[in-house]
Amino acid sequence: MNRSGNLLVVILWLATVGSGFANAQKPVRATSERPFEPAEELVYEAEFSRALLRKMDVADFRFTANRIHLSQPAKNSHSAALERTAAYALVFKGDISSKGFFAKLFNLRFRERMESIVDPISFAVQNTKRLDEQGKRIRSSEAVFDNVAGKVVWTETDPRNPSRPPRTVSSEFTGPVQDILSAIYYLRTQPLQVGKTLELVISDSGQVYHIPIRVVEKKRMKTVLGKVNAMRLDVELFGPRGMIESEGQFSIWFTEDAKRLPVSARVKNEYGTFDIKLKKVLRNSSQLRGSQRGRAGSPAEHLDWGAIPAGVEEEYLSKQQ
């Protein structure tokens, strides 16, 4: 895939899930108060604009939050002295795929799936798996986080060429770190205030990045949920020290209420403007199961996306007035 295609995939992932705050470890809200537990699915659509090209569909996103119960409760590595254990782990899954005339015109066919395992007490990421399909190219990768030693080891393989030596990258980190999928869920547990400047600490492909982020404004927005109060965050993803070396701007809007839903994002760079908007929020068990059907067709279906737990009967219907 060409450079513009690779950059597009990175931008679309980061524009929707690349926003996790971390300075010193901040307390995470109790599990009963987390808006995405026990299960939730968010559906987005990405559009591209440049010059005479206006709002061309380029990709679909689906993100799910879920719980998996552990046969043996895992001890929280960040609080060993308190002997706290978790009876379950949080599982976050993302699925992004290209679509529409834009993808055909520029031959930007891709699908990327990601799964993050997170400790529900410390909210530290423990494991990240990713399957990246770009045309005929397929790569499978896994990042293992040792939160006690402060080290991440990332390994990438080629499923179509098992004899190819794996690519490995390792980095050290201090304090809490997220991946690009768990980051947004961590952020949704945190308070946001206009004027606050924080530092984003995120690991991707074995590297660890420290990125400034600012809460710059609050405004009324029209969304799929109706009119809501939302806060805009400007994230310095671009530049020599960012995750993307080229020039650009990235902003993301979260609802001001306790749900902290990411309702919109915008990326401006040399290729044009990408707008990502929330289209649907599901919390009903039957809706969640139904949304998982009919997604076959990938040449690498070995990823087990698991099942949505039963008993999630509340449909997300709340609107901020």
C-alpha atoms as a PDB file:
ATOM      1  CA  MET A   1       0.000   0.000   0.000  1.00  0.00           C
ATOM      2  CA  ASN A   2       1.355   3.476  -0.809  1.00  0.00           C
ATOM      3  CA  ARG A   3       2.354   6.104   1.749  1.00  0.00           C
ATOM      4  CA  SER A   4      -0.954   7.971   1.549  1.00  0.00           C
ATOM      5  CA  GLY A   5      -2.822   4.738   2.215  1.00  0.00           C
ATOM      6  CA  ASN A   6      -0.750   3.905   5.290  1.00  0.00           C
ATOM      7  CA  LEU A   7      -1.193   7.428   6.607  1.00  0.00           C
ATOM      8  CA  LEU A   8      -4.948   7.252   6.070  1.00  0.00           C
ATOM      9  CA  VAL A   9      -5.226   4.110   8.192  1.00  0.00           C
ATOM     10  CA  VAL A  10      -3.203   5.706  11.008  1.00  0.00           C
ATOM     11  CA  ILE A  11      -5.222   8.922  10.870  1.00  0.00           C
ATOM     12  CA  LEU A  12      -8.586   7.175  10.944  1.00  0.00           C
ATOM     13  CA  TRP A  13      -7.597   4.995  13.901  1.00  0.00           C
ATOM     14  CA  LEU A  14      -6.175   7.889  15.886  1.00  0.00           C
ATOM     15  CA  ALA A  15      -9.015  10.228  15.039  1.00  0.00           C
ATOM     16  CA  THR A  16     -11.461   7.938  16.759  1.00  0.00           C
ATOM     17  CA  VAL A  17      -9.505   6.102  19.431  1.00  0.00           C
ATOM     18  CA  GLY A  18      -6.196   7.825  19.967  1.00  0.00           C
ATOM     19  CA  SER A  19      -6.927  10.038  22.963  1.00  0.00           C
ATOM     20  CA  GLY A  20      -5.794   8.798  26.362  1.00  0.00           C
ATOM     21  CA  PHE A  21      -4.670  11.088  29.182  1.00  0.00           C
ATOM     22  CA  ALA A  22      -1.901  10.067  31.560  1.00  0.00           C
ATOM     23  CA  ASN A  23       0.186  12.111  33.941  1.00  0.00           C
ATOM     24  CA  ALA A  24       0.452  10.607  37.368  1.00  0.00           C
ATOM     25  CA  GLN A  25      -2.067   7.793  37.676  1.00  0.00           C
ATOM     26  CA  LYS A  26      -5.506   9.289  38.219  1.00  0.00           C
ATOM     27  CA  PRO A  27      -8.269   7.358  39.971  1.00  0.00           C
ATOM     28  CA  VAL A  28     -10.579   5.477  37.644  1.00  0.00           C
ATOM     29  CA  ARG A  29     -14.281   5.597  38.371  1.00  0.00           C
ATOM     30  CA  ALA A  30     -15.879   2.583  40.034  1.00  0.00           C
ATOM     31  CA  THR A  31     -16.973  -0.078  37.552  1.00  0.00           C
ATOM     32  CA  SER A  32     -20.646   0.524  38.359  1.00  0.00           C
ATOM     33  CA  GLU A  33     -20.238   4.118  37.172  1.00  0.00           C
ATOM     34  CA  ARG A  34     -18.434   3.443  33.913  1.00  0.00           C
ATOM     35  CA  PRO A  35     -20.665   4.304  30.970  1.00  0.00           C
ATOM     36  CA  PHE A  36     -19.398   1.503  28.728  1.00  0.00           C
ATOM     37  CA  GLU A  37     -19.859  -1.407  31.149  1.00  0.00           C
ATOM     38  CA  PRO A  38     -20.950  -4.156  31.035  1.00  0.00           C
ATOM     39  CA  ALA A  39     -21.190  -3.861  27.235  1.00  0.00           C
ATOM     40  CA  GLU A  40     -21.417  -1.174  24.575  1.00  0.00           C
ATOM     41  CA  GLU A  41     -20.933  -0.704  20.827  1.00  0.00           C
ATOM     42  CA  LEU A  42     -20.144   2.547  19.023  1.00  0.00           C
ATOM     43  CA  VAL A  43     -20.557   2.887  15.249  1.00  0.00           C
ATOM     44  CA  TYR A  44     -18.881   5.672  13.232  1.00  0.00           C
ATOM     45  CA  GLU A  45     -18.589   6.820   9.635  1.00  0.00           C
ATOM     46  CA  ALA A  46     -15.602   8.677   8.163  1.00  0.00           C
ATOM     47  CA  GLU A  47     -15.886  11.219   5.324  1.00  0.00           C
ATOM     48  CA  PHE A  48     -13.204  12.912   3.227  1.00  0.00           C
ATOM     49  CA  SER A  49     -13.254  16.402   1.695  1.00  0.00           C
ATOM     50  CA  ARG A  50     -10.783  18.233  -0.524  1.00  0.00           C
ATOM     51  CA  ALA A  51     -11.418  21.040  -3.003  1.00  0.00           C
ATOM     52  CA  LEU A  52     -14.407  19.918  -5.122  1.00  0.00           C
ATOM     53  CA  LEU A  53     -14.625  16.558  -3.377  1.00  0.00           C
ATOM     54  CA  ARG A  54     -17.106  16.917  -0.510  1.00  0.00           C
ATOM     55  CA  LYS A  55     -17.987  14.405   2.194  1.00  0.00           C
ATOM     56  CA  MET A  56     -17.018  11.233   0.381  1.00  0.00           C
ATOM     57  CA  ASP A  57     -17.488   8.094   2.495  1.00  0.00           C
ATOM     58  CA  VAL A  58     -14.131   6.445   3.143  1.00  0.00           C
ATOM     59  CA  ALA A  59     -14.483   4.076   6.117  1.00  0.00           C
ATOM     60  CA  ASP A  60     -16.730   2.503   8.749  1.00  0.00           C
ATOM     61  CA  PHE A  61     -15.769   1.979  12.398  1.00  0.00           C
ATOM     62  CA  ARG A  62     -17.160  -0.324  15.065  1.00  0.00           C
ATOM     63  CA  PHE A  63     -15.911  -0.354  18.648  1.00  0.00           C
ATOM     64  CA  THR A  64     -17.159  -2.674  21.376  1.00  0.00           C
ATOM     65  CA  ALA A  65     -16.551  -2.817  25.120  1.00  0.00           C
ATOM     66  CA  ASN A  66     -17.150  -6.086  26.934  1.00  0.00           C
ATOM     67  CA  ARG A  67     -16.212  -8.159  29.975  1.00  0.00           C
ATOM     68  CA  ILE A  68     -14.638 -11.598  30.085  1.00  0.00           C
ATOM     69  CA  HIS A  69     -14.799 -13.534  33.339  1.00  0.00           C
ATOM     70  CA  LEU A  70     -11.574 -15.056  34.614  1.00  0.00           C
ATOM     71  CA  SER A  71     -11.435 -18.612  35.993  1.00  0.00           C
ATOM     72  CA  GLN A  72      -8.824 -17.406  38.462  1.00  0.00           C
ATOM     73  CA  PRO A  73      -9.118 -13.743  39.520  1.00  0.00           C
ATOM     74  CA  ALA A  74      -6.076 -11.765  38.458  1.00  0.00           C
ATOM     75  CA  LYS A  75      -4.139  -9.724  40.986  1.00  0.00           C
ATOM     76  CA  ASN A  76      -3.880  -6.050  40.131  1.00  0.00           C
ATOM     77  CA  SER A  77      -0.211  -5.369  39.379  1.00  0.00           C
ATOM     78  CA  HIS A  78      -0.496  -1.722  40.442  1.00  0.00           C
ATOM     79  CA  SER A  79      -1.843  -2.486  43.897  1.00  0.00           C
ATOM     80  CA  ALA A  80      -0.187  -5.707  45.022  1.00  0.00           C
ATOM     81  CA  ALA A  81       0.133  -4.370  48.547  1.00  0.00           C
ATOM     82  CA  LEU A  82      -3.638  -4.147  48.822  1.00  0.00           C
ATOM     83  CA  GLU A  83      -4.058  -7.642  47.394  1.00  0.00           C
ATOM     84  CA  ARG A  84      -6.897  -6.436  45.187  1.00  0.00           C
ATOM     85  CA  THR A  85      -8.071  -8.856  42.547  1.00  0.00           C
ATOM     86  CA  ALA A  86     -10.355  -8.639  39.530  1.00  0.00           C
ATOM     87  CA  ALA A  87     -12.840 -11.378  38.682  1.00  0.00           C
ATOM     88  CA  TYR A  88     -12.970 -10.247  35.076  1.00  0.00           C
ATOM     89  CA  ALA A  89     -11.007  -8.343  32.454  1.00  0.00           C
ATOM     90  CA  LEU A  90     -12.185  -5.603  30.138  1.00  0.00           C
ATOM     91  CA  VAL A  91     -12.006  -6.348  26.408  1.00  0.00           C
ATOM     92  CA  PHE A  92     -12.110  -3.545  23.863  1.00  0.00           C
ATOM     93  CA  LYS A  93     -12.397  -4.377  20.163  1.00  0.00           C
ATOM     94  CA  GLY A  94     -12.150  -2.184  17.101  1.00  0.00           C
ATOM     95  CA  ASP A  95     -12.918  -2.851  13.449  1.00  0.00           C
ATOM     96  CA  ILE A  96     -12.219  -0.302  10.712  1.00  0.00           C
ATOM     97  CA  SER A  97     -12.724  -0.983   7.011  1.00  0.00           C
ATOM     98  CA  SER A  98     -12.537   1.102   3.858  1.00  0.00           C
ATOM     99  CA  LYS A  99     -15.595   1.680   1.702  1.00  0.00           C
ATOM    100  CA  GLY A 100     -17.052   3.792  -1.079  1.00  0.00           C
ATOM    101  CA  PHE A 101     -15.837   5.403  -4.292  1.00  0.00           C
ATOM    102  CA  PHE A 102     -12.849   7.053  -2.598  1.00  0.00           C
ATOM    103  CA  ALA A 103     -11.340   3.698  -1.647  1.00  0.00           C
ATOM    104  CA  LYS A 104     -11.814   2.350  -5.177  1.00  0.00           C
ATOM    105  CA  LEU A 105     -10.488   5.510  -6.850  1.00  0.00           C
ATOM    106  CA  PHE A 106      -7.240   5.581  -4.863  1.00  0.00           C
ATOM    107  CA  ASN A 107      -6.959   1.813  -4.330  1.00  0.00           C
ATOM    108  CA  LEU A 108      -7.090   2.258  -0.557  1.00  0.00           C
ATOM    109  CA  ARG A 109      -8.663  -1.021   0.407  1.00  0.00           C
ATOM    110  CA  PHE A 110      -7.963  -1.923   3.998  1.00  0.00           C
ATOM    111  CA  ARG A 111      -9.409  -3.541   7.077  1.00  0.00           C
ATOM    112  CA  GLU A 112      -7.874  -3.368  10.511  1.00  0.00           C
ATOM    113  CA  ARG A 113      -9.035  -5.135  13.645  1.00  0.00           C
ATOM    114  CA  MET A 114      -7.714  -4.669  17.136  1.00  0.00           C
ATOM    115  CA  GLU A 115      -8.329  -6.185  20.560  1.00  0.00           C
ATOM    116  CA  SER A 116      -7.155  -4.787  23.918  1.00  0.00           C
ATOM    117  CA  ILE A 117      -7.200  -6.584  27.280  1.00  0.00           C
ATOM    118  CA  VAL A 118      -7.339  -4.169  30.230  1.00  0.00           C
ATOM    119  CA  ASP A 119      -7.228  -4.623  33.996  1.00  0.00           C
ATOM    120  CA  PRO A 120     -10.520  -3.186  35.325  1.00  0.00           C
ATOM    121  CA  ILE A 121      -9.009  -1.942  38.610  1.00  0.00           C
ATOM    122  CA  SER A 122      -5.898  -0.080  37.441  1.00  0.00           C
ATOM    123  CA  PHE A 123      -7.172   0.303  33.860  1.00  0.00           C
ATOM    124  CA  ALA A 124      -3.676  -0.606  32.644  1.00  0.00           C
ATOM    125  CA  VAL A 125      -3.502  -2.250  29.238  1.00  0.00           C
ATOM    126  CA  GLN A 126      -2.125  -5.791  29.426  1.00  0.00           C
ATOM    127  CA  ASN A 127      -2.246  -7.089  25.873  1.00  0.00           C
ATOM    128  CA  THR A 128      -2.956  -5.727  22.396  1.00  0.00           C
ATOM    129  CA  LYS A 129      -3.612  -7.794  19.276  1.00  0.00           C
ATOM    130  CA  ARG A 130      -4.007  -6.391  15.787  1.00  0.00           C
ATOM    131  CA  LEU A 131      -4.763  -7.792  12.347  1.00  0.00           C
ATOM    132  CA  ASP A 132      -3.902  -5.378   9.531  1.00  0.00           C
ATOM    133  CA  GLU A 133      -5.077  -6.082   5.969  1.00  0.00           C
ATOM    134  CA  GLN A 134      -4.038  -3.636   3.222  1.00  0.00           C
ATOM    135  CA  GLY A 135      -4.859  -5.099  -0.173  1.00  0.00           C
ATOM    136  CA  LYS A 136      -3.017  -8.403  -0.369  1.00  0.00           C
ATOM    137  CA  ARG A 137      -0.711  -7.480   2.486  1.00  0.00           C
ATOM    138  CA  ILE A 138      -1.617  -8.980   5.889  1.00  0.00           C
ATOM    139  CA  ARG A 139       0.195  -8.510   9.170  1.00  0.00           C
ATOM    140  CA  SER A 140      -0.648  -9.911  12.586  1.00  0.00           C
ATOM    141  CA  SER A 141       0.849  -8.378  15.712  1.00  0.00           C
ATOM    142  CA  GLU A 142       0.722  -8.632  19.483  1.00  0.00           C
ATOM    143  CA  ALA A 143       1.983  -6.278  22.201  1.00  0.00           C
ATOM    144  CA  VAL A 144       2.529  -7.646  25.706  1.00  0.00           C
ATOM    145  CA  PHE A 145       2.715  -5.110  28.532  1.00  0.00           C
ATOM    146  CA  ASP A 146       4.621  -5.810  31.752  1.00  0.00           C
ATOM    147  CA  ASN A 147       3.228  -3.077  33.986  1.00  0.00           C
ATOM    148  CA  VAL A 148       5.439  -4.075  36.920  1.00  0.00           C
ATOM    149  CA  ALA A 149       8.720  -3.938  35.000  1.00  0.00           C
ATOM    150  CA  GLY A 150       7.494  -1.047  32.814  1.00  0.00           C
ATOM    151  CA  LYS A 151       8.205  -2.719  29.479  1.00  0.00           C
ATOM    152  CA  VAL A 152       6.235  -3.469  26.318  1.00  0.00           C
ATOM    153  CA  VAL A 153       7.279  -6.059  23.726  1.00  0.00           C
ATOM    154  CA  TRP A 154       5.613  -5.911  20.301  1.00  0.00           C
ATOM    155  CA  THR A 155       5.903  -8.729  17.745  1.00  0.00           C
ATOM    156  CA  GLU A 156       4.640  -8.689  14.150  1.00  0.00           C
ATOM    157  CA  THR A 157       4.313 -11.690  11.838  1.00  0.00           C
ATOM    158  CA  ASP A 158       3.157 -12.393   8.283  1.00  0.00           C
ATOM    159  CA  PRO A 159       0.319 -14.984   8.365  1.00  0.00           C
ATOM    160  CA  ARG A 160       0.785 -15.680   4.669  1.00  0.00           C
ATOM    161  CA  ASN A 161       4.511 -16.332   5.072  1.00  0.00           C
ATOM    162  CA  PRO A 162       5.179 -18.223   8.334  1.00  0.00           C
ATOM    163  CA  SER A 163       8.859 -18.673   7.442  1.00  0.00           C
ATOM    164  CA  ARG A 164       9.408 -14.925   7.487  1.00  0.00           C
ATOM    165  CA  PRO A 165      11.269 -13.874  10.675  1.00  0.00           C
ATOM    166  CA  PRO A 166       9.053 -11.937  13.098  1.00  0.00           C
ATOM    167  CA  ARG A 167       9.664  -8.240  13.619  1.00  0.00           C
ATOM    168  CA  THR A 168      10.106  -7.270  17.286  1.00  0.00           C
ATOM    169  CA  VAL A 169      10.242  -3.887  19.017  1.00  0.00           C
ATOM    170  CA  SER A 170      10.470  -3.264  22.772  1.00  0.00           C
ATOM    171  CA  SER A 171      10.307  -0.079  24.832  1.00  0.00           C
ATOM    172  CA  GLU A 172      10.318   0.927  28.467  1.00  0.00           C
ATOM    173  CA  PHE A 173       7.742   3.154  30.134  1.00  0.00           C
ATOM    174  CA  THR A 174       6.964   4.599  33.536  1.00  0.00           C
ATOM    175  CA  GLY A 175       3.518   5.059  34.991  1.00  0.00           C
ATOM    176  CA  PRO A 176       0.301   4.121  33.219  1.00  0.00           C
ATOM    177  CA  VAL A 177       0.271   3.656  29.454  1.00  0.00           C
ATOM    178  CA  GLN A 178      -2.544   2.865  27.033  1.00  0.00           C
ATOM    179  CA  ASP A 179      -2.775   1.592  23.488  1.00  0.00           C
ATOM    180  CA  ILE A 180      -4.729   3.472  20.828  1.00  0.00           C
ATOM    181  CA  LEU A 181      -7.901   1.512  21.557  1.00  0.00           C
ATOM    182  CA  SER A 182      -7.968   1.375  25.370  1.00  0.00           C
ATOM    183  CA  ALA A 183      -7.019   5.048  25.574  1.00  0.00           C
ATOM    184  CA  ILE A 184     -10.428   6.428  24.721  1.00  0.00           C
ATOM    185  CA  TYR A 185     -12.180   4.266  27.300  1.00  0.00           C
ATOM    186  CA  TYR A 186      -9.722   5.377  29.968  1.00  0.00           C
ATOM    187  CA  LEU A 187     -10.376   8.974  29.000  1.00  0.00           C
ATOM    188  CA  ARG A 188     -14.117   8.476  29.402  1.00  0.00           C
ATOM    189  CA  THR A 189     -13.539   7.754  33.103  1.00  0.00           C
ATOM    190  CA  GLN A 190     -11.735  11.074  33.654  1.00  0.00           C
ATOM    191  CA  PRO A 191     -12.978  14.625  34.344  1.00  0.00           C
ATOM    192  CA  LEU A 192     -12.445  17.203  31.577  1.00  0.00           C
ATOM    193  CA  GLN A 193     -12.194  20.956  32.047  1.00  0.00           C
ATOM    194  CA  VAL A 194     -11.748  23.694  29.465  1.00  0.00           C
ATOM    195  CA  GLY A 195      -8.270  25.199  29.725  1.00  0.00           C
ATOM    196  CA  LYS A 196      -6.613  22.040  31.025  1.00  0.00           C
ATOM    197  CA  THR A 197      -3.373  20.863  29.387  1.00  0.00           C
ATOM    198  CA  LEU A 198      -2.331  17.267  29.870  1.00  0.00           C
ATOM    199  CA  GLU A 199       0.082  14.748  28.424  1.00  0.00           C
ATOM    200  CA  LEU A 200      -0.964  11.738  26.388  1.00  0.00           C
ATOM    201  CA  VAL A 201       1.118   8.582  26.923  1.00  0.00           C
ATOM    202  CA  ILE A 202       0.347   5.896  24.378  1.00  0.00           C
ATOM    203  CA  SER A 203       2.084   2.834  22.973  1.00  0.00           C
ATOM    204  CA  ASP A 204       1.769   1.761  19.357  1.00  0.00           C
ATOM    205  CA  SER A 205       3.824  -0.876  17.520  1.00  0.00           C
ATOM    206  CA  GLY A 206       6.199  -1.180  20.451  1.00  0.00           C
ATOM    207  CA  GLN A 207       6.954   2.531  20.647  1.00  0.00           C
ATOM    208  CA  VAL A 208       5.893   4.841  23.490  1.00  0.00           C
ATOM    209  CA  TYR A 209       4.850   8.421  22.742  1.00  0.00           C
ATOM    210  CA  HIS A 210       4.312  11.464  24.977  1.00  0.00           C
ATOM    211  CA  ILE A 211       1.919  13.874  23.294  1.00  0.00           C
ATOM    212  CA  PRO A 212       0.470  17.171  24.636  1.00  0.00           C
ATOM    213  CA  ILE A 213      -3.288  17.537  24.623  1.00  0.00           C
ATOM    214  CA  ARG A 214      -5.484  20.553  25.439  1.00  0.00           C
ATOM    215  CA  VAL A 215      -9.156  20.967  26.298  1.00  0.00           C
ATOM    216  CA  VAL A 216      -9.843  24.123  24.316  1.00  0.00           C
ATOM    217  CA  GLU A 217     -13.585  24.830  24.175  1.00  0.00           C
ATOM    218  CA  LYS A 218     -17.124  23.797  24.980  1.00  0.00           C
ATOM    219  CA  LYS A 219     -19.981  24.221  22.529  1.00  0.00           C
ATOM    220  CA  ARG A 220     -23.446  22.991  21.582  1.00  0.00           C
ATOM    221  CA  MET A 221     -23.340  20.394  18.796  1.00  0.00           C
ATOM    222  CA  LYS A 222     -25.918  18.608  16.660  1.00  0.00           C
ATOM    223  CA  THR A 223     -25.254  14.868  16.773  1.00  0.00           C
ATOM    224  CA  VAL A 224     -27.012  11.548  16.289  1.00  0.00           C
ATOM    225  CA  LEU A 225     -27.984  11.844  19.973  1.00  0.00           C
ATOM    226  CA  GLY A 226     -29.610  15.231  19.377  1.00  0.00           C
ATOM    227  CA  LYS A 227     -28.129  18.540  20.476  1.00  0.00           C
ATOM    228  CA  VAL A 228     -25.492  18.012  23.149  1.00  0.00           C
ATOM    229  CA  ASN A 229     -22.896  20.014  25.017  1.00  0.00           C
ATOM    230  CA  ALA A 230     -19.481  18.854  23.842  1.00  0.00           C
ATOM    231  CA  MET A 231     -15.857  19.688  24.626  1.00  0.00           C
ATOM    232  CA  ARG A 232     -13.169  19.965  21.986  1.00  0.00           C
ATOM    233  CA  LEU A 233      -9.747  18.484  22.598  1.00  0.00           C
ATOM    234  CA  ASP A 234      -6.765  19.392  20.421  1.00  0.00           C
ATOM    235  CA  VAL A 235      -4.194  16.598  20.306  1.00  0.00           C
ATOM    236  CA  GLU A 236      -0.675  17.181  18.983  1.00  0.00           C
ATOM    237  CA  LEU A 237      -0.363  13.939  17.041  1.00  0.00           C
ATOM    238  CA  PHE A 238       1.479  15.576  14.171  1.00  0.00           C
ATOM    239  CA  GLY A 239       5.039  16.894  14.001  1.00  0.00           C
ATOM    240  CA  PRO A 240       8.604  15.630  14.561  1.00  0.00           C
ATOM    241  CA  ARG A 241       7.837  14.355  18.072  1.00  0.00           C
ATOM    242  CA  GLY A 242       4.337  13.090  17.349  1.00  0.00           C
ATOM    243  CA  MET A 243       3.017   9.743  16.190  1.00  0.00           C
ATOM    244  CA  ILE A 244       2.711  11.172  12.652  1.00  0.00           C
ATOM    245  CA  GLU A 245       5.750  13.112  11.429  1.00  0.00           C
ATOM    246  CA  SER A 246       3.977  15.159   8.750  1.00  0.00           C
ATOM    247  CA  GLU A 247       2.100  18.408   9.440  1.00  0.00           C
ATOM    248  CA  GLY A 248      -1.550  18.397  10.377  1.00  0.00           C
ATOM    249  CA  GLN A 249      -4.206  19.168  12.969  1.00  0.00           C
ATOM    250  CA  PHE A 250      -6.411  16.842  14.981  1.00  0.00           C
ATOM    251  CA  SER A 251      -9.439  17.651  17.156  1.00  0.00           C
ATOM    252  CA  ILE A 252     -11.991  15.416  18.871  1.00  0.00           C
ATOM    253  CA  TRP A 253     -15.295  16.239  20.620  1.00  0.00           C
ATOM    254  CA  PHE A 254     -16.616  14.447  23.709  1.00  0.00           C
ATOM    255  CA  THR A 255     -20.014  14.922  25.301  1.00  0.00           C
ATOM    256  CA  GLU A 256     -19.859  16.934  28.505  1.00  0.00           C
ATOM    257  CA  ASP A 257     -22.107  14.532  30.419  1.00  0.00           C
ATOM    258  CA  ALA A 258     -20.989  11.528  32.457  1.00  0.00           C
ATOM    259  CA  LYS A 259     -21.049   9.232  29.395  1.00  0.00           C
ATOM    260  CA  ARG A 260     -18.168  11.137  27.741  1.00  0.00           C
ATOM    261  CA  LEU A 261     -19.157   9.837  24.325  1.00  0.00           C
ATOM    262  CA  PRO A 262     -16.747  10.698  21.485  1.00  0.00           C
ATOM    263  CA  VAL A 263     -19.264  12.119  19.018  1.00  0.00           C
ATOM    264  CA  SER A 264     -17.044  13.711  16.365  1.00  0.00           C
ATOM    265  CA  ALA A 265     -13.449  14.143  15.229  1.00  0.00           C
ATOM    266  CA  ARG A 266     -11.682  16.102  12.504  1.00  0.00           C
ATOM    267  CA  VAL A 267      -8.263  15.696  10.926  1.00  0.00           C
ATOM    268  CA  LYS A 268      -6.712  18.250   8.564  1.00  0.00           C
ATOM    269  CA  ASN A 269      -3.528  17.398   6.711  1.00  0.00           C
ATOM    270  CA  GLU A 270      -1.875  17.676   3.304  1.00  0.00           C
ATOM    271  CA  TYR A 271      -4.379  15.252   1.767  1.00  0.00           C
ATOM    272  CA  GLY A 272      -7.528  17.066   2.875  1.00  0.00           C
ATOM    273  CA  THR A 273     -10.025  16.933   5.745  1.00  0.00           C
ATOM    274  CA  PHE A 274     -11.344  13.781   7.399  1.00  0.00           C
ATOM    275  CA  ASP A 275     -14.549  14.028   9.452  1.00  0.00           C
ATOM    276  CA  ILE A 276     -15.518  11.121  11.691  1.00  0.00           C
ATOM    277  CA  LYS A 277     -19.009  11.152  13.211  1.00  0.00           C
ATOM    278  CA  LEU A 278     -20.866   8.910  15.621  1.00  0.00           C
ATOM    279  CA  LYS A 279     -23.793   7.158  13.915  1.00  0.00           C
ATOM    280  CA  LYS A 280     -25.085   4.706  16.491  1.00  0.00           C
ATOM    281  CA  VAL A 281     -24.741   3.658  20.136  1.00  0.00           C
ATOM    282  CA  LEU A 282     -25.915   0.187  21.192  1.00  0.00           C
ATOM    283  CA  ARG A 283     -26.329  -1.183  24.694  1.00  0.00           C
ATOM    284  CA  ASN A 284     -29.109  -3.727  24.144  1.00  0.00           C
ATOM    285  CA  SER A 285     -27.919  -7.342  24.166  1.00  0.00           C
ATOM    286  CA  SER A 286     -29.933  -8.415  21.106  1.00  0.00           C
ATOM    287  CA  GLN A 287     -28.789  -5.363  19.140  1.00  0.00           C
ATOM    288  CA  LEU A 288     -25.163  -6.029  20.026  1.00  0.00           C
ATOM    289  CA  ARG A 289     -25.351  -9.671  18.986  1.00  0.00           C
ATOM    290  CA  GLY A 290     -27.113  -8.772  15.755  1.00  0.00           C
ATOM    291  CA  SER A 291     -24.490  -6.196  14.868  1.00  0.00           C
ATOM    292  CA  GLN A 292     -21.789  -8.874  15.086  1.00  0.00           C
ATOM    293  CA  ARG A 293     -23.429 -11.076  12.443  1.00  0.00           C
ATOM    294  CA  GLY A 294     -22.592 -11.003   8.774  1.00  0.00           C
ATOM    295  CA  ARG A 295     -19.017  -9.757   9.070  1.00  0.00           C
ATOM    296  CA  ALA A 296     -17.269 -12.698   7.478  1.00  0.00           C
ATOM    297  CA  GLY A 297     -15.248 -12.498   4.297  1.00  0.00           C
ATOM    298  CA  SER A 298     -11.851 -11.675   5.732  1.00  0.00           C
ATOM    299  CA  PRO A 299      -8.972 -13.898   4.590  1.00  0.00           C
ATOM    300  CA  ALA A 300      -7.798 -14.031   8.196  1.00  0.00           C
ATOM    301  CA  GLU A 301     -10.818 -14.837  10.335  1.00  0.00           C
ATOM    302  CA  HIS A 302      -8.753 -16.532  13.044  1.00  0.00           C
ATOM    303  CA  LEU A 303      -9.303 -13.658  15.469  1.00  0.00           C
ATOM    304  CA  ASP A 304     -11.886 -14.706  18.047  1.00  0.00           C
ATOM    305  CA  TRP A 305     -13.992 -11.642  18.790  1.00  0.00           C
ATOM    306  CA  GLY A 306     -15.822 -13.431  21.584  1.00  0.00           C
ATOM    307  CA  ALA A 307     -19.454 -13.010  22.544  1.00  0.00           C
ATOM    308  CA  ILE A 308     -21.444 -10.180  24.045  1.00  0.00           C
ATOM    309  CA  PRO A 309     -22.565 -11.176  27.552  1.00  0.00           C
ATOM    310  CA  ALA A 310     -26.230 -11.769  28.227  1.00  0.00           C
ATOM    311  CA  GLY A 311     -28.198  -9.534  30.525  1.00  0.00           C
ATOM    312  CA  VAL A 312     -27.429  -6.197  28.920  1.00  0.00           C
ATOM    313  CA  GLU A 313     -31.007  -5.144  28.491  1.00  0.00           C
ATOM    314  CA  GLU A 314     -30.752  -1.362  28.629  1.00  0.00           C
ATOM    315  CA  GLU A 315     -30.777   0.320  25.213  1.00  0.00           C
ATOM    316  CA  TYR A 316     -28.902   3.582  25.017  1.00  0.00           C
ATOM    317  CA  LEU A 317     -31.672   6.139  24.592  1.00  0.00           C
ATOM    318  CA  SER A 318     -30.524   8.912  26.916  1.00  0.00           C
ATOM    319  CA  LYS A 319     -30.105  12.308  25.303  1.00  0.00           C
ATOM    320  CA  GLN A 320     -28.565  15.414  26.750  1.00  0.00           C
ATOM    321  CA  GLN A 321     -31.043  18.290  26.533  1.00  0.00           C
END
